[in-house]
Protein backbone atom coordinates (compact mmCIF):
# COMPACT_ATOMS: atom_id res chain seq x y z
CA UNK A 1 11.41 20.29 -34.11
CA UNK A 2 11.11 20.94 -30.34
CA UNK A 3 7.35 21.22 -30.78
CA UNK A 4 7.08 17.94 -32.62
CA UNK A 5 9.26 16.17 -29.97
CA UNK A 6 6.94 17.65 -27.09
CA UNK A 7 3.92 16.47 -29.04
CA UNK A 8 5.23 12.91 -29.43
CA UNK A 9 6.32 12.95 -25.81
CA UNK A 10 2.71 14.05 -24.82
CA UNK A 11 1.12 11.39 -26.91
CA UNK A 12 2.78 8.66 -24.70
CA UNK A 13 0.48 9.51 -21.85
CA UNK A 14 1.26 9.99 -18.08
CA UNK A 15 3.85 7.31 -18.14
CA UNK A 16 6.19 9.64 -20.04
CA UNK A 17 6.57 11.70 -16.85
CA UNK A 18 8.18 9.12 -14.65
CA UNK A 19 10.28 8.11 -17.69
CA UNK A 20 11.61 11.66 -17.93
CA UNK A 21 12.30 11.67 -14.26
CA UNK A 22 14.08 8.39 -14.44
CA UNK A 23 16.14 9.53 -17.44
CA UNK A 24 17.27 12.63 -15.71
CA UNK A 25 18.19 10.77 -12.57
CA UNK A 26 19.97 7.96 -14.41
CA UNK A 27 22.13 10.26 -16.56
CA UNK A 28 22.89 12.44 -13.50
CA UNK A 29 24.13 9.42 -11.45
CA UNK A 30 26.00 7.86 -14.42
CA UNK A 31 27.81 10.97 -15.63
CA UNK A 32 28.65 11.98 -12.13
CA UNK A 33 30.17 8.70 -11.45
CA UNK A 34 32.05 8.62 -14.85
CA UNK A 35 33.62 11.98 -14.21
CA UNK A 36 34.68 10.73 -10.77
CA UNK A 37 36.36 7.75 -12.30
CA UNK A 38 38.05 9.94 -15.07
CA UNK A 39 39.55 12.37 -12.47
CA UNK A 40 41.25 9.53 -10.58
CA UNK A 41 44.92 10.15 -10.39
CA UNK A 42 45.92 6.45 -11.25
CA UNK A 43 44.67 6.88 -14.83
CA UNK A 44 47.27 9.60 -15.62
CA UNK A 45 50.08 8.44 -13.58
CA UNK A 46 53.14 6.88 -15.29
CA UNK A 47 54.33 3.51 -13.88
CA UNK A 48 57.95 4.80 -13.32
CA UNK A 49 56.55 7.71 -11.18
CA UNK A 50 54.40 5.75 -8.76
CA UNK A 51 57.33 3.09 -8.45
CA UNK A 52 59.57 5.96 -7.39
CA UNK A 53 56.93 6.93 -4.80
CA UNK A 54 57.11 3.40 -3.47
CA UNK A 55 60.84 3.60 -3.06
CA UNK A 56 60.53 7.10 -1.46
CA UNK A 57 56.96 7.67 -0.15
CA UNK A 58 57.76 11.32 0.73
CA UNK A 59 57.80 12.16 -2.94
CA UNK A 60 54.23 11.01 -3.45
CA UNK A 61 51.27 13.37 -3.71
CA UNK A 62 47.58 13.11 -4.38
CA UNK A 63 45.43 10.17 -3.85
CA UNK A 64 48.13 7.58 -5.04
CA UNK A 65 50.78 9.20 -2.91
CA UNK A 66 48.56 8.95 0.15
CA UNK A 67 47.77 5.29 -0.58
CA UNK A 68 51.45 4.40 -0.87
CA UNK A 69 52.38 6.25 2.40
CA UNK A 70 49.60 4.58 4.29
CA UNK A 71 50.43 1.12 2.92
CA UNK A 72 54.01 1.43 4.24
CA UNK A 73 53.53 3.30 7.45
CA UNK A 74 55.11 1.30 10.40
CA UNK A 75 54.82 -2.08 8.59
CA UNK A 76 56.69 -4.98 10.07
CA UNK A 77 55.73 -8.08 7.90
CA UNK A 78 54.45 -8.52 4.38
CA UNK A 79 50.95 -9.28 5.66
CA UNK A 80 50.73 -5.71 7.13
CA UNK A 81 51.04 -4.39 3.63
CA UNK A 82 48.42 -6.75 2.26
CA UNK A 83 46.07 -5.83 5.06
CA UNK A 84 46.47 -2.13 4.47
CA UNK A 85 45.71 -2.63 0.77
CA UNK A 86 42.55 -4.48 1.79
CA UNK A 87 41.53 -1.61 3.96
CA UNK A 88 42.19 0.73 1.05
CA UNK A 89 39.93 -1.36 -1.25
CA UNK A 90 37.33 -1.40 1.52
CA UNK A 91 37.36 2.44 1.53
CA UNK A 92 37.51 2.98 -2.08
CA UNK A 93 35.47 0.37 -3.93
CA UNK A 94 32.25 -0.20 -1.99
CA UNK A 95 30.92 3.40 -2.44
CA UNK A 96 31.53 3.16 -6.23
CA UNK A 97 29.89 -0.18 -6.40
CA UNK A 98 26.79 1.03 -4.48
CA UNK A 99 26.44 3.85 -7.01
CA UNK A 100 26.90 1.35 -9.83
CA UNK A 101 24.08 -0.80 -8.36
CA UNK A 102 21.89 2.18 -8.26
CA UNK A 103 22.70 3.04 -11.81
CA UNK A 104 21.94 -0.59 -12.95
CA UNK A 105 18.55 -0.33 -11.22
CA UNK A 106 17.61 2.79 -13.07
CA UNK A 107 18.82 1.31 -16.42
CA UNK A 108 16.65 -1.85 -15.84
CA UNK A 109 13.68 0.24 -14.69
CA UNK A 110 13.35 2.26 -17.76
CA UNK A 111 12.06 -0.56 -20.19
CA UNK A 112 9.77 -1.84 -17.49
CA UNK A 113 8.12 1.58 -17.02
CA UNK A 114 7.86 1.63 -20.84
CA UNK A 115 5.96 -1.78 -20.86
CA UNK A 116 3.65 -0.26 -18.13
CA UNK A 117 2.76 2.46 -20.53
CA UNK A 118 2.04 -0.31 -23.20
CA UNK A 119 -0.40 -1.96 -20.80
CA UNK A 120 -2.21 1.26 -20.07
CA UNK A 121 -2.34 2.18 -23.75
CA UNK A 122 -3.96 -1.16 -24.61
CA UNK A 123 -6.53 -0.53 -21.86
CA UNK A 124 -7.39 2.66 -23.39
CA UNK A 125 -7.70 1.13 -26.77
CA UNK A 126 -9.98 -1.73 -25.46
CA UNK A 127 -12.14 0.76 -23.73
CA UNK A 128 -12.61 2.71 -26.93
CA UNK A 129 -13.56 -0.45 -28.81
CA UNK A 130 -16.10 -1.27 -26.13
CA UNK A 131 -17.65 2.20 -26.19
CA UNK A 132 -19.08 1.92 -29.75
CA UNK A 133 -18.30 3.37 -33.15
CA UNK A 134 -17.76 6.71 -34.67
CA UNK A 135 -15.16 9.36 -34.94
CA UNK A 136 -14.56 9.84 -31.31
CA UNK A 137 -13.91 6.07 -30.94
CA UNK A 138 -11.35 6.21 -33.71
CA UNK A 139 -9.72 9.16 -32.08
CA UNK A 140 -9.63 7.38 -28.67
CA UNK A 141 -8.23 4.36 -30.22
CA UNK A 142 -5.45 6.27 -31.97
CA UNK A 143 -4.54 7.89 -28.57
CA UNK A 144 -4.56 4.42 -26.90
CA UNK A 145 -2.24 3.01 -29.57
CA UNK A 146 0.19 5.89 -29.17
CA UNK A 147 0.21 5.36 -25.47
CA UNK A 148 0.91 1.81 -26.07
CA UNK A 149 3.80 2.40 -28.59
CA UNK A 150 5.77 5.47 -27.44
CA UNK A 151 6.68 4.53 -23.81
CA UNK A 152 8.55 1.25 -24.63
CA UNK A 153 10.46 2.98 -27.48
CA UNK A 154 11.46 5.77 -25.12
CA UNK A 155 12.24 3.34 -22.27
CA UNK A 156 14.64 1.44 -24.64
CA UNK A 157 16.24 4.72 -25.90
CA UNK A 158 16.84 5.64 -22.31
CA UNK A 159 18.22 2.27 -21.12
CA UNK A 160 20.64 1.65 -24.06
CA UNK A 161 23.03 4.66 -23.40
CA UNK A 162 22.67 4.10 -19.71
CA UNK A 163 23.85 0.39 -20.12
CA UNK A 164 26.84 1.63 -22.22
CA UNK A 165 27.68 4.09 -19.57
CA UNK A 166 27.50 1.49 -16.80
CA UNK A 167 29.87 -0.85 -18.82
CA UNK A 168 32.31 1.98 -19.13
CA UNK A 169 32.29 2.76 -15.48
CA UNK A 170 32.60 -0.94 -14.65
CA UNK A 171 35.70 -1.06 -16.75
CA UNK A 172 37.22 1.90 -14.92
CA UNK A 173 36.53 0.21 -11.65
CA UNK A 174 38.39 -2.92 -12.84
CA UNK A 175 41.31 -0.81 -13.87
CA UNK A 176 41.45 0.82 -10.45
CA UNK A 177 41.40 -2.62 -8.75
CA UNK A 178 44.17 -3.92 -11.00
CA UNK A 179 46.16 -0.79 -10.33
CA UNK A 180 45.92 -1.34 -6.51
CA UNK A 181 46.98 -5.00 -7.03
CA UNK A 182 50.05 -3.82 -9.02
CA UNK A 183 51.08 -1.27 -6.50
CA UNK A 184 50.60 -3.79 -3.66
CA UNK A 185 52.78 -6.45 -5.39
CA UNK A 186 55.54 -4.03 -6.21
CA UNK A 187 55.44 -2.58 -2.58
CA UNK A 188 55.73 -6.07 -0.98
CA UNK A 189 58.60 -7.00 -3.34
CA UNK A 190 60.50 -3.69 -2.81
CA UNK A 191 60.27 -3.78 0.99
CA UNK A 192 61.31 -7.35 1.10
CA UNK A 193 64.33 -6.72 -1.04
CA UNK A 194 65.42 -3.60 0.85
CA UNK A 195 64.86 -4.62 4.38
CA UNK A 196 64.35 -8.35 4.47
CA UNK A 197 60.73 -7.94 5.34
CA UNK A 198 59.48 -11.38 6.27
CA UNK A 199 56.68 -12.88 4.32
CA UNK A 200 53.68 -13.87 6.44
CA UNK A 201 50.49 -14.86 4.75
CA UNK A 202 47.73 -12.29 5.43
CA UNK A 203 45.43 -13.37 8.28
CA UNK A 204 41.84 -13.95 7.32
CA UNK A 205 39.56 -11.47 9.22
CA UNK A 206 35.92 -11.63 9.70
CA UNK A 207 33.66 -9.02 8.17
CA UNK A 208 33.18 -7.18 11.48
CA UNK A 209 36.92 -6.70 12.21
CA UNK A 210 37.72 -5.81 8.48
CA UNK A 211 34.92 -3.17 8.51
CA UNK A 212 35.92 -1.76 11.81
CA UNK A 213 39.59 -1.55 10.61
CA UNK A 214 38.61 0.01 7.29
CA UNK A 215 36.45 2.70 9.01
CA UNK A 216 38.63 3.48 11.92
CA UNK A 217 42.27 2.87 10.77
CA UNK A 218 42.00 4.22 7.22
CA UNK A 219 39.90 7.24 8.02
CA UNK A 220 41.95 8.18 11.04
CA UNK A 221 45.45 7.85 9.55
CA UNK A 222 44.45 9.58 6.31
CA UNK A 223 42.29 12.21 7.72
CA UNK A 224 44.83 15.06 6.79
CA UNK A 225 44.93 14.06 3.08
CA UNK A 226 42.40 14.00 0.31
CA UNK A 227 39.74 11.33 0.75
CA UNK A 228 39.98 8.15 -1.17
CA UNK A 229 36.19 7.84 -2.13
């Protein structure tokens, strides 16, 4: 069985080598990112428990407990909480999204490399037709047809599971964003009900200030706890 698979793989020509490298890289990135999202604390945390942490941040632990403590640390108005959660999203989501873009690029590249193999296989076939007749020409044509057919099939077989994996990861990211929005909403409501925290709409900041706040404020205050990203 293994010998037959290796023979078919070899029949696809040199394009099968970059396809193999791309497949290994794609599944390494995808599975690593999927495991990272599966281990996130928010997926296993009951709603009643994290709401209790909002009411008493000292009870919180792990990533979610750290988020809740940071969001309520020395806040005076409701916009402070919203700004803290904006910084948390800036620390959490962009690294994951960059890896997802990289995974999407690898998924899209697999069929294109397969089509490249088709082009080279057709060139080999045409060269065999132009060289004359005989058994050697027939063998060369068969090899060219193999190089034209196998790479696109392998490219599609690689990209399809990669696409499914990317969709699953995307769903996990959406779940994380929704969880942060839920915690933010409950935190604002609870603090306002307990201490009369005034409501002030969040101030729109430019990208430079937001990035500086996310990189300096979040990383400095949370240095002692587990990293978000």
